[in-house]
């Protein structure tokens, strides 16, 4: 009977250790996903700013071309 209790204690300890390791692994995975999400957000913001800059550059280029045509016409 005592050997059986000892065996059950070992099995229970191993099961608890497994659950603890799974919890740690899950937390690490969650942290990794949060980091990836933050990086994705940074990329999105940079892409948005790049698009705005390209739009402003395009408008400025058109404006300069119009000014040059006006000067040529004078």
C-alpha atoms as a PDB file:
ATOM      1  CA  UNK A   1       0.000   0.000   0.000  1.00  0.00           C
ATOM      2  CA  UNK A   2       2.812   2.437   0.868  1.00  0.00           C
ATOM      3  CA  UNK A   3       4.541   1.719  -2.445  1.00  0.00           C
ATOM      4  CA  UNK A   4       1.311   2.541  -4.231  1.00  0.00           C
ATOM      5  CA  UNK A   5       1.017   5.896  -2.421  1.00  0.00           C
ATOM      6  CA  UNK A   6       4.639   6.701  -3.253  1.00  0.00           C
ATOM      7  CA  UNK A   7       4.007   5.874  -6.923  1.00  0.00           C
ATOM      8  CA  UNK A   8       0.887   8.080  -6.968  1.00  0.00           C
ATOM      9  CA  UNK A   9       2.848  10.956  -5.388  1.00  0.00           C
ATOM     10  CA  UNK A  10       5.514  10.695  -8.089  1.00  0.00           C
ATOM     11  CA  UNK A  11       2.915  10.605 -10.868  1.00  0.00           C
ATOM     12  CA  UNK A  12       1.073  13.563  -9.357  1.00  0.00           C
ATOM     13  CA  UNK A  13       4.353  15.515  -9.030  1.00  0.00           C
ATOM     14  CA  UNK A  14       5.213  14.804 -12.650  1.00  0.00           C
ATOM     15  CA  UNK A  15       1.733  15.859 -13.751  1.00  0.00           C
ATOM     16  CA  UNK A  16       2.065  19.109 -11.781  1.00  0.00           C
ATOM     17  CA  UNK A  17       5.498  19.726 -13.291  1.00  0.00           C
ATOM     18  CA  UNK A  18       4.077  19.161 -16.776  1.00  0.00           C
ATOM     19  CA  UNK A  19       1.231  21.625 -16.123  1.00  0.00           C
ATOM     20  CA  UNK A  20       3.702  24.194 -14.802  1.00  0.00           C
ATOM     21  CA  UNK A  21       5.947  23.796 -17.847  1.00  0.00           C
ATOM     22  CA  UNK A  22       2.967  24.146 -20.164  1.00  0.00           C
ATOM     23  CA  UNK A  23       1.929  27.358 -18.368  1.00  0.00           C
ATOM     24  CA  UNK A  24       5.441  28.786 -18.769  1.00  0.00           C
ATOM     25  CA  UNK A  25       5.521  27.817 -22.438  1.00  0.00           C
ATOM     26  CA  UNK A  26       2.105  29.379 -22.994  1.00  0.00           C
ATOM     27  CA  UNK A  27       3.228  32.635 -21.340  1.00  0.00           C
ATOM     28  CA  UNK A  28       6.388  32.765 -23.472  1.00  0.00           C
ATOM     29  CA  UNK A  29       4.314  32.167 -26.603  1.00  0.00           C
ATOM     30  CA  UNK A  30       1.886  34.924 -25.590  1.00  0.00           C
ATOM     31  CA  UNK A  31       4.758  37.363 -25.019  1.00  0.00           C
ATOM     32  CA  UNK A  32       6.190  36.461 -28.426  1.00  0.00           C
ATOM     33  CA  UNK A  33       2.844  37.110 -30.118  1.00  0.00           C
ATOM     34  CA  UNK A  34       2.501  40.442 -28.328  1.00  0.00           C
ATOM     35  CA  UNK A  35       5.963  41.457 -29.557  1.00  0.00           C
ATOM     36  CA  UNK A  36       5.052  40.468 -33.106  1.00  0.00           C
ATOM     37  CA  UNK A  37       1.814  42.449 -32.871  1.00  0.00           C
ATOM     38  CA  UNK A  38       3.705  45.525 -31.655  1.00  0.00           C
ATOM     39  CA  UNK A  39       6.153  45.201 -34.551  1.00  0.00           C
ATOM     40  CA  UNK A  40       3.270  44.814 -37.002  1.00  0.00           C
ATOM     41  CA  UNK A  41       1.729  48.002 -35.614  1.00  0.00           C
ATOM     42  CA  UNK A  42       5.038  49.857 -36.059  1.00  0.00           C
ATOM     43  CA  UNK A  43       5.298  48.620 -39.647  1.00  0.00           C
ATOM     44  CA  UNK A  44       1.719  49.717 -40.321  1.00  0.00           C
ATOM     45  CA  UNK A  45       2.411  53.204 -38.919  1.00  0.00           C
ATOM     46  CA  UNK A  46       5.629  53.555 -40.919  1.00  0.00           C
ATOM     47  CA  UNK A  47       3.856  52.426 -44.097  1.00  0.00           C
ATOM     48  CA  UNK A  48       1.076  54.949 -43.475  1.00  0.00           C
ATOM     49  CA  UNK A  49       3.626  57.746 -42.970  1.00  0.00           C
ATOM     50  CA  UNK A  50       5.478  56.658 -46.103  1.00  0.00           C
ATOM     51  CA  UNK A  51       2.240  56.753 -48.093  1.00  0.00           C
ATOM     52  CA  UNK A  52       1.490  60.252 -46.781  1.00  0.00           C
ATOM     53  CA  UNK A  53       5.015  61.397 -47.651  1.00  0.00           C
ATOM     54  CA  UNK A  54       4.761  59.959 -51.155  1.00  0.00           C
ATOM     55  CA  UNK A  55       1.420  61.700 -51.607  1.00  0.00           C
ATOM     56  CA  UNK A  56       2.867  65.042 -50.469  1.00  0.00           C
ATOM     57  CA  UNK A  57       5.893  64.553 -52.736  1.00  0.00           C
ATOM     58  CA  UNK A  58       3.616  63.815 -55.678  1.00  0.00           C
ATOM     59  CA  UNK A  59       1.535  66.939 -55.015  1.00  0.00           C
ATOM     60  CA  UNK A  60       4.664  69.074 -54.615  1.00  0.00           C
ATOM     61  CA  UNK A  61       6.079  67.732 -57.882  1.00  0.00           C
ATOM     62  CA  UNK A  62       2.852  68.552 -59.728  1.00  0.00           C
ATOM     63  CA  UNK A  63       2.822  72.029 -58.199  1.00  0.00           C
ATOM     64  CA  UNK A  64       6.425  72.654 -59.284  1.00  0.00           C
ATOM     65  CA  UNK A  65       5.609  71.468 -62.812  1.00  0.00           C
ATOM     66  CA  UNK A  66       2.635  73.837 -62.962  1.00  0.00           C
ATOM     67  CA  UNK A  67       4.786  76.749 -61.742  1.00  0.00           C
ATOM     68  CA  UNK A  68       7.416  75.947 -64.377  1.00  0.00           C
ATOM     69  CA  UNK A  69       4.768  75.862 -67.117  1.00  0.00           C
ATOM     70  CA  UNK A  70       3.427  79.221 -65.943  1.00  0.00           C
ATOM     71  CA  UNK A  71       6.919  80.715 -66.086  1.00  0.00           C
ATOM     72  CA  UNK A  72       7.474  79.319 -69.563  1.00  0.00           C
ATOM     73  CA  UNK A  73       4.147  80.722 -70.697  1.00  0.00           C
ATOM     74  CA  UNK A  74       5.112  84.234 -69.550  1.00  0.00           C
END
